[in-house]
Amino acid sequence: MSEVVLQELSKRFGDVQALQELTLEIHDGEFFSMLGPSGCGKTTTLRLIAGFEEPTTGRVLIGGTDVTDRPPNRRPVNTVFQHYALFPHLSIQDNVAFGLGFTDLTKQEKKRRVGEALSLVRLEGFERRKPGQLSGGEQQRVALARALVLNPRVLLLDEPLGALDAKLRRALQIELKAIQEHVGITFVYVTHDQEEALTMSDRILVMANGLPQQIGTAEELYEEPRNSFVADFLGISNLMDAEAHGRGIVSLGDRTVRAGRGTLDETGPVTLTIRPERIRLEALGPEAENRLRGVVTRLVYLGSTSQALIELPHGDVVQVLLTVDRTMPLQEGMPLLVHLPTESLRILAASDAEPGTDGTSPVSEAT
């Protein structure tokens, strides 16, 4: 069942088209993330679902009910923002209970629900403290408890971990997903952080220029990117201009390689892509299939891994991710063979290289 349905939803601010006819279904009980750079339309979409903005065109349905014309307080949703907006003069208990003050619940029932919400975010014993006495991560949990205590059908989260340091963000990503699975309600999460989206999401919508680019699981988007924007934005990709000859045969400069994924029947200018961890480095020897001569131009130590930048004969520089247990020692200026495995090389059609440039949406429905 679809909990949130957007039908040809668009939003224009003056001369700016922030969102272009987005059609989307978000499933009941799903952790759904909208991922993209600033200005791509993801926060506008969230605000349209919440009712903070009115659509220029299109409809918003929640739980099968059209809520397009309803104000925020009459929609079965609640929102957690990046800036938690806690009341500094109120205790944690009163902050969490604030929304319950507009219900007809008994005092005992309110107290019970506040206790359950604080327990859910592991803040038992913090009831009498003030927000100023808590860390950033603890304040984020209070904001989450305040939103969940009202039992919304859908919880909207607008970059709620953005103000936290990297280590705390990673810890809270796991907690947030666990909380969502426990309460079983639909979470719609906005972020520009690919790690957050990959860690928590059941499905991800990648957006650019007010248009959806691709919808799918983290694995689908990472392994099967639809265009160069998705390939480059979700993780790291090596993107190379090439000439396709059909059947997966592609020219890189005066060298020819075979790709095993993507639009294999494409001919003419294309983009060839491969993930850094899929490239293999070999000792210098005779060139064989999908092996090109290269020169190490830079080595970067990253702790558990290392990154090598390798210049290829046609001028492209590719990134290669290496594990610490590699048997082949490397040094800058070293010549070697770069193996681009057929099964890891993907051809992207030139028409998909620049998303949204023709004013049309490459993806209109969740699949």
Protein backbone atom coordinates (compact mmCIF):
# COMPACT_ATOMS: atom_id res chain seq x y z
CA MET A 1 0.00 0.00 0.00
CA SER A 2 1.20 3.52 -0.78
CA GLU A 3 1.18 5.85 2.23
CA VAL A 4 2.20 9.02 0.36
CA VAL A 5 1.27 9.63 -3.28
CA LEU A 6 2.41 12.68 -5.25
CA GLN A 7 0.62 13.26 -8.55
CA GLU A 8 2.34 15.51 -11.10
CA LEU A 9 3.47 17.78 -8.28
CA SER A 10 5.28 20.99 -9.22
CA LYS A 11 6.28 24.20 -7.49
CA ARG A 12 7.36 27.51 -8.95
CA PHE A 13 8.80 30.43 -6.97
CA GLY A 14 8.56 33.41 -9.32
CA ASP A 15 10.78 32.59 -12.28
CA VAL A 16 12.35 29.59 -10.53
CA GLN A 17 10.92 26.12 -11.19
CA ALA A 18 11.86 24.37 -7.94
CA LEU A 19 10.02 21.13 -8.70
CA GLN A 20 8.81 19.78 -12.03
CA GLU A 21 5.77 17.48 -12.16
CA LEU A 22 6.95 14.84 -9.73
CA THR A 23 4.89 11.65 -9.62
CA LEU A 24 5.88 9.38 -6.77
CA GLU A 25 4.57 6.66 -4.46
CA ILE A 26 6.06 6.10 -0.99
CA HIS A 27 5.07 2.81 0.61
CA ASP A 28 3.48 2.25 4.01
CA GLY A 29 6.16 1.68 6.67
CA GLU A 30 9.01 2.59 4.31
CA PHE A 31 12.14 4.57 5.13
CA PHE A 32 12.26 6.70 1.99
CA SER A 33 15.05 9.21 1.35
CA MET A 34 15.30 12.08 -1.10
CA LEU A 35 18.93 12.70 -1.98
CA GLY A 36 20.53 15.46 -3.98
CA PRO A 37 22.56 18.68 -3.93
CA SER A 38 21.27 22.02 -2.66
CA GLY A 39 18.55 23.43 -4.88
CA CYS A 40 17.53 20.09 -6.38
CA GLY A 41 13.94 20.28 -5.04
CA LYS A 42 14.07 17.73 -2.22
CA THR A 43 13.22 20.12 0.66
CA THR A 44 10.53 21.77 -1.48
CA THR A 45 8.98 18.33 -1.96
CA LEU A 46 9.06 17.69 1.79
CA ARG A 47 7.42 21.04 2.52
CA LEU A 48 4.70 20.30 -0.03
CA ILE A 49 3.95 17.00 1.72
CA ALA A 50 3.88 18.78 5.09
CA GLY A 51 1.61 21.55 3.82
CA PHE A 52 4.09 24.36 4.45
CA GLU A 53 3.99 25.19 0.72
CA GLU A 54 1.12 25.10 -1.76
CA PRO A 55 1.81 23.29 -5.04
CA THR A 56 1.67 25.18 -8.31
CA THR A 57 0.19 22.07 -9.88
CA GLY A 58 -0.51 18.53 -8.74
CA ARG A 59 -1.95 16.70 -5.74
CA VAL A 60 -0.72 15.24 -2.43
CA LEU A 61 -2.41 12.13 -1.00
CA ILE A 62 -1.65 10.63 2.40
CA GLY A 63 -3.20 7.34 3.43
CA GLY A 64 -5.44 7.47 0.38
CA THR A 65 -6.87 10.90 1.30
CA ASP A 66 -6.29 14.01 -0.79
CA VAL A 67 -4.71 16.57 1.58
CA THR A 68 -3.56 19.08 -1.05
CA ASP A 69 -5.81 21.83 0.28
CA ARG A 70 -5.41 21.02 3.98
CA PRO A 71 -3.20 23.16 6.28
CA PRO A 72 -0.26 21.50 8.07
CA ASN A 73 -2.15 21.01 11.36
CA ARG A 74 -4.82 18.96 9.58
CA ARG A 75 -2.42 16.52 7.92
CA PRO A 76 -1.40 13.24 9.64
CA VAL A 77 2.30 14.14 9.50
CA ASN A 78 4.92 15.64 11.74
CA THR A 79 8.28 17.17 10.89
CA VAL A 80 11.77 17.09 12.42
CA PHE A 81 14.03 19.90 11.20
CA GLN A 82 17.80 20.33 11.18
CA HIS A 83 17.41 23.06 13.81
CA TYR A 84 15.39 21.35 16.48
CA ALA A 85 13.44 24.44 17.69
CA LEU A 86 13.16 23.18 21.26
CA PHE A 87 11.71 25.55 23.86
CA PRO A 88 14.73 26.49 26.03
CA HIS A 89 12.61 27.44 29.07
CA LEU A 90 10.72 24.14 29.14
CA SER A 91 11.90 20.84 30.55
CA ILE A 92 12.53 17.91 28.23
CA GLN A 93 9.29 16.34 29.40
CA ASP A 94 7.31 19.48 28.62
CA ASN A 95 8.99 19.89 25.24
CA VAL A 96 7.98 16.39 24.24
CA ALA A 97 4.47 16.86 25.62
CA PHE A 98 3.89 20.22 23.94
CA GLY A 99 1.89 18.90 20.98
CA LEU A 100 -0.25 16.73 23.24
CA GLY A 101 -1.57 19.93 24.85
CA PHE A 102 -3.81 20.36 21.81
CA THR A 103 -5.44 16.93 22.24
CA ASP A 104 -8.17 15.76 24.59
CA LEU A 105 -6.02 13.05 26.17
CA THR A 106 -6.06 12.68 29.94
CA LYS A 107 -3.08 13.85 31.98
CA GLN A 108 -2.23 10.25 32.79
CA GLU A 109 -2.33 9.23 29.12
CA LYS A 110 -0.12 12.18 28.12
CA LYS A 111 2.42 11.25 30.79
CA ARG A 112 2.44 7.64 29.59
CA ARG A 113 2.99 8.61 25.96
CA VAL A 114 5.78 11.05 26.84
CA GLY A 115 7.49 8.32 28.86
CA GLU A 116 7.22 5.87 25.96
CA ALA A 117 8.60 8.43 23.50
CA LEU A 118 11.59 9.25 25.72
CA SER A 119 12.24 5.55 26.27
CA LEU A 120 12.17 4.99 22.52
CA VAL A 121 14.98 7.52 22.01
CA ARG A 122 16.86 6.33 25.14
CA LEU A 123 16.38 9.49 27.19
CA GLU A 124 14.80 8.02 30.33
CA GLY A 125 15.81 10.10 33.35
CA PHE A 126 16.21 13.30 31.30
CA GLU A 127 12.65 14.50 31.92
CA ARG A 128 13.52 17.44 34.20
CA ARG A 129 16.52 18.73 32.28
CA LYS A 130 16.44 21.75 29.99
CA PRO A 131 17.56 21.67 26.33
CA GLY A 132 20.64 23.75 27.18
CA GLN A 133 21.85 20.92 29.42
CA LEU A 134 21.90 18.41 26.58
CA SER A 135 24.37 17.61 23.82
CA GLY A 136 23.48 18.12 20.18
CA GLY A 137 22.74 14.43 19.74
CA GLU A 138 20.49 14.39 22.80
CA GLN A 139 18.60 17.46 21.55
CA GLN A 140 18.07 15.70 18.24
CA ARG A 141 16.52 12.76 20.10
CA VAL A 142 14.20 15.11 22.01
CA ALA A 143 13.00 16.60 18.72
CA LEU A 144 12.39 13.10 17.40
CA ALA A 145 10.47 12.09 20.54
CA ARG A 146 8.37 15.27 20.31
CA ALA A 147 7.41 14.34 16.73
CA LEU A 148 6.71 10.67 17.43
CA VAL A 149 4.63 11.24 20.57
CA LEU A 150 1.74 12.43 18.36
CA ASN A 151 1.68 9.10 16.48
CA PRO A 152 1.76 10.60 12.96
CA ARG A 153 1.11 8.41 9.92
CA VAL A 154 4.18 9.93 8.26
CA LEU A 155 7.28 11.47 9.83
CA LEU A 156 9.12 14.02 7.68
CA LEU A 157 12.80 14.63 8.46
CA ASP A 158 14.66 17.57 6.89
CA GLU A 159 18.39 16.90 7.33
CA PRO A 160 17.96 16.34 11.10
CA LEU A 161 21.57 15.14 11.55
CA GLY A 162 23.18 17.96 9.58
CA ALA A 163 24.26 19.97 12.63
CA LEU A 164 26.07 17.05 14.29
CA ASP A 165 29.70 15.98 13.97
CA ALA A 166 30.55 13.11 11.62
CA LYS A 167 31.06 10.41 14.28
CA LEU A 168 27.79 11.21 16.05
CA ARG A 169 25.93 11.32 12.73
CA ARG A 170 27.08 7.82 11.89
CA ALA A 171 25.95 6.50 15.28
CA LEU A 172 22.55 8.17 15.05
CA GLN A 173 21.96 6.88 11.51
CA ILE A 174 21.82 3.34 12.90
CA GLU A 175 19.61 4.42 15.81
CA LEU A 176 17.20 6.30 13.56
CA LYS A 177 16.69 3.31 11.28
CA ALA A 178 16.14 1.06 14.31
CA ILE A 179 13.53 3.48 15.70
CA GLN A 180 11.73 3.60 12.35
CA GLU A 181 11.58 -0.19 12.18
CA HIS A 182 10.29 -0.32 15.79
CA VAL A 183 7.46 2.19 15.36
CA GLY A 184 6.65 0.94 11.84
CA ILE A 185 5.53 4.28 10.40
CA THR A 186 6.60 5.87 7.13
CA PHE A 187 9.71 8.06 7.32
CA VAL A 188 10.44 10.53 4.52
CA TYR A 189 14.01 11.76 4.90
CA VAL A 190 15.76 14.61 3.09
CA THR A 191 19.55 14.69 2.90
CA HIS A 192 22.47 15.69 0.68
CA ASP A 193 24.67 13.11 2.47
CA GLN A 194 24.98 9.92 0.42
CA GLU A 195 26.22 7.92 3.44
CA GLU A 196 23.04 8.75 5.37
CA ALA A 197 20.86 7.70 2.46
CA LEU A 198 22.76 4.47 1.84
CA THR A 199 22.79 3.52 5.54
CA MET A 200 19.13 4.03 6.42
CA SER A 201 16.92 3.91 3.34
CA ASP A 202 14.68 1.20 1.99
CA ARG A 203 14.52 3.23 -1.21
CA ILE A 204 16.17 6.44 -2.39
CA LEU A 205 15.05 9.11 -4.84
CA VAL A 206 18.01 10.96 -6.39
CA MET A 207 17.06 14.46 -7.58
CA ALA A 208 18.70 17.20 -9.64
CA ASN A 209 17.41 20.45 -11.15
CA GLY A 210 13.93 19.92 -9.70
CA LEU A 211 13.65 16.55 -11.46
CA PRO A 212 13.78 12.95 -10.23
CA GLN A 213 16.77 11.13 -11.70
CA GLN A 214 16.37 7.60 -10.38
CA ILE A 215 14.46 5.71 -7.69
CA GLY A 216 15.54 2.42 -6.16
CA THR A 217 17.28 0.64 -3.34
CA ALA A 218 20.76 1.71 -2.35
CA GLU A 219 22.19 -1.33 -4.12
CA GLU A 220 20.22 -0.68 -7.30
CA LEU A 221 21.33 2.94 -7.50
CA TYR A 222 24.96 2.13 -6.74
CA GLU A 223 25.25 -0.88 -9.04
CA GLU A 224 22.89 0.24 -11.82
CA PRO A 225 23.03 4.07 -12.10
CA ARG A 226 20.75 5.38 -14.82
CA ASN A 227 22.90 8.35 -15.78
CA SER A 228 26.21 10.01 -15.04
CA PHE A 229 24.69 12.29 -12.39
CA VAL A 230 23.49 9.35 -10.30
CA ALA A 231 26.74 7.45 -10.85
CA ASP A 232 28.82 10.41 -9.70
CA PHE A 233 26.59 11.64 -6.87
CA LEU A 234 25.99 8.29 -5.17
CA GLY A 235 29.48 7.13 -4.29
CA ILE A 236 32.54 7.79 -6.42
CA SER A 237 32.65 6.92 -10.10
CA ASN A 238 35.24 7.23 -12.81
CA LEU A 239 33.50 8.88 -15.77
CA MET A 240 35.24 8.84 -19.15
CA ASP A 241 34.17 10.19 -22.54
CA ALA A 242 34.24 7.38 -25.08
CA GLU A 243 33.00 6.26 -28.50
CA ALA A 244 30.69 3.23 -28.61
CA HIS A 245 30.55 0.81 -31.55
CA GLY A 246 27.70 -1.45 -30.43
CA ARG A 247 27.73 -4.78 -28.62
CA GLY A 248 29.57 -3.25 -25.70
CA ILE A 249 32.70 -2.32 -27.70
CA VAL A 250 34.01 1.12 -26.74
CA SER A 251 37.02 3.20 -27.77
CA LEU A 252 39.03 5.17 -25.21
CA GLY A 253 41.36 7.25 -27.34
CA ASP A 254 43.07 4.73 -29.63
CA ARG A 255 42.42 1.81 -27.26
CA THR A 256 39.39 -0.47 -27.31
CA VAL A 257 37.69 -2.09 -24.33
CA ARG A 258 34.55 -4.17 -23.85
CA ALA A 259 31.81 -3.15 -21.39
CA GLY A 260 29.36 -5.64 -19.93
CA ARG A 261 26.72 -3.32 -18.45
CA GLY A 262 24.55 -0.39 -19.44
CA THR A 263 23.33 0.52 -22.94
CA LEU A 264 25.46 -2.04 -24.77
CA ASP A 265 23.87 -1.46 -28.19
CA GLU A 266 24.60 2.28 -28.11
CA THR A 267 26.79 3.78 -30.84
CA GLY A 268 28.50 7.14 -30.99
CA PRO A 269 29.61 9.36 -28.07
CA VAL A 270 28.92 7.82 -24.66
CA THR A 271 30.12 8.02 -21.08
CA LEU A 272 31.98 5.02 -19.72
CA THR A 273 31.89 4.52 -15.95
CA ILE A 274 33.49 2.20 -13.41
CA ARG A 275 33.68 2.31 -9.61
CA PRO A 276 37.17 2.82 -8.07
CA GLU A 277 37.03 -0.42 -6.08
CA ARG A 278 36.37 -2.48 -9.25
CA ILE A 279 39.58 -1.48 -11.05
CA ARG A 280 42.50 -3.91 -10.76
CA LEU A 281 46.18 -2.96 -10.99
CA GLU A 282 48.70 -5.40 -12.45
CA ALA A 283 52.42 -5.47 -13.06
CA LEU A 284 53.57 -4.08 -16.40
CA GLY A 285 53.38 -6.62 -19.21
CA PRO A 286 51.79 -7.21 -22.61
CA GLU A 287 48.44 -5.43 -23.02
CA ALA A 288 45.49 -7.83 -22.97
CA GLU A 289 41.72 -7.42 -23.15
CA ASN A 290 40.49 -4.43 -21.08
CA ARG A 291 44.01 -3.72 -19.84
CA LEU A 292 45.57 -0.32 -20.47
CA ARG A 293 48.99 1.02 -19.64
CA GLY A 294 48.92 3.65 -16.90
CA VAL A 295 51.16 5.70 -14.63
CA VAL A 296 50.62 6.30 -10.91
CA THR A 297 50.37 10.06 -10.44
CA ARG A 298 49.38 10.18 -6.77
CA LEU A 299 48.89 7.95 -3.72
CA VAL A 300 46.66 8.91 -0.79
CA TYR A 301 46.65 6.94 2.47
CA LEU A 302 43.13 6.68 3.92
CA GLY A 303 43.72 4.31 6.84
CA SER A 304 41.90 1.07 6.05
CA THR A 305 42.25 1.79 2.33
CA SER A 306 44.44 3.77 -0.04
CA GLN A 307 43.55 5.74 -3.14
CA ALA A 308 45.69 5.76 -6.27
CA LEU A 309 45.29 8.18 -9.15
CA ILE A 310 46.32 6.58 -12.44
CA GLU A 311 46.76 8.45 -15.73
CA LEU A 312 45.68 6.44 -18.77
CA PRO A 313 47.15 6.75 -22.31
CA HIS A 314 44.23 8.83 -23.64
CA GLY A 315 44.66 11.40 -20.83
CA ASP A 316 41.90 10.46 -18.36
CA VAL A 317 42.92 10.02 -14.74
CA VAL A 318 41.06 7.28 -12.87
CA GLN A 319 40.73 6.77 -9.14
CA VAL A 320 41.47 3.31 -7.78
CA LEU A 321 40.56 2.19 -4.27
CA LEU A 322 43.01 -0.26 -2.77
CA THR A 323 42.81 -2.37 0.37
CA VAL A 324 45.70 -2.38 2.81
CA ASP A 325 46.48 -6.04 2.08
CA ARG A 326 47.31 -5.46 -1.58
CA THR A 327 50.37 -7.46 -2.63
CA MET A 328 51.61 -5.05 -5.29
CA PRO A 329 53.65 -2.15 -3.86
CA LEU A 330 53.03 1.18 -5.54
CA GLN A 331 54.90 4.45 -5.83
CA GLU A 332 54.28 7.66 -7.71
CA GLY A 333 55.58 7.62 -11.29
CA MET A 334 55.34 3.84 -11.49
CA PRO A 335 54.07 2.38 -14.82
CA LEU A 336 51.60 -0.51 -14.66
CA LEU A 337 48.60 -2.14 -16.28
CA VAL A 338 45.11 -0.97 -15.41
CA HIS A 339 42.54 -3.74 -15.68
CA LEU A 340 38.99 -2.52 -16.33
CA PRO A 341 36.90 -5.70 -15.85
CA THR A 342 34.20 -6.14 -18.48
CA GLU A 343 31.54 -6.96 -15.92
CA SER A 344 32.26 -3.70 -14.04
CA LEU A 345 32.33 -1.32 -17.04
CA ARG A 346 29.03 0.46 -17.74
CA ILE A 347 28.04 2.43 -20.84
CA LEU A 348 25.82 5.46 -20.25
CA ALA A 349 24.12 6.91 -23.29
CA ALA A 350 25.04 10.50 -24.11
CA SER A 351 21.36 11.49 -23.81
CA ASP A 352 21.46 10.54 -20.13
CA ALA A 353 24.73 12.30 -19.31
CA GLU A 354 23.31 15.70 -18.28
CA PRO A 355 20.07 15.37 -16.28
CA GLY A 356 17.21 17.77 -16.88
CA THR A 357 18.81 19.79 -19.65
CA ASP A 358 15.90 19.16 -22.01
CA GLY A 359 13.29 20.12 -19.43
CA THR A 360 11.90 16.60 -19.18
CA SER A 361 11.95 14.13 -16.30
CA PRO A 362 14.02 10.96 -16.85
CA VAL A 363 11.98 9.21 -14.14
CA SER A 364 8.31 9.85 -13.46
CA GLU A 365 7.22 6.92 -11.32
CA ALA A 366 8.64 4.86 -8.50
CA THR A 367 9.48 1.41 -9.76
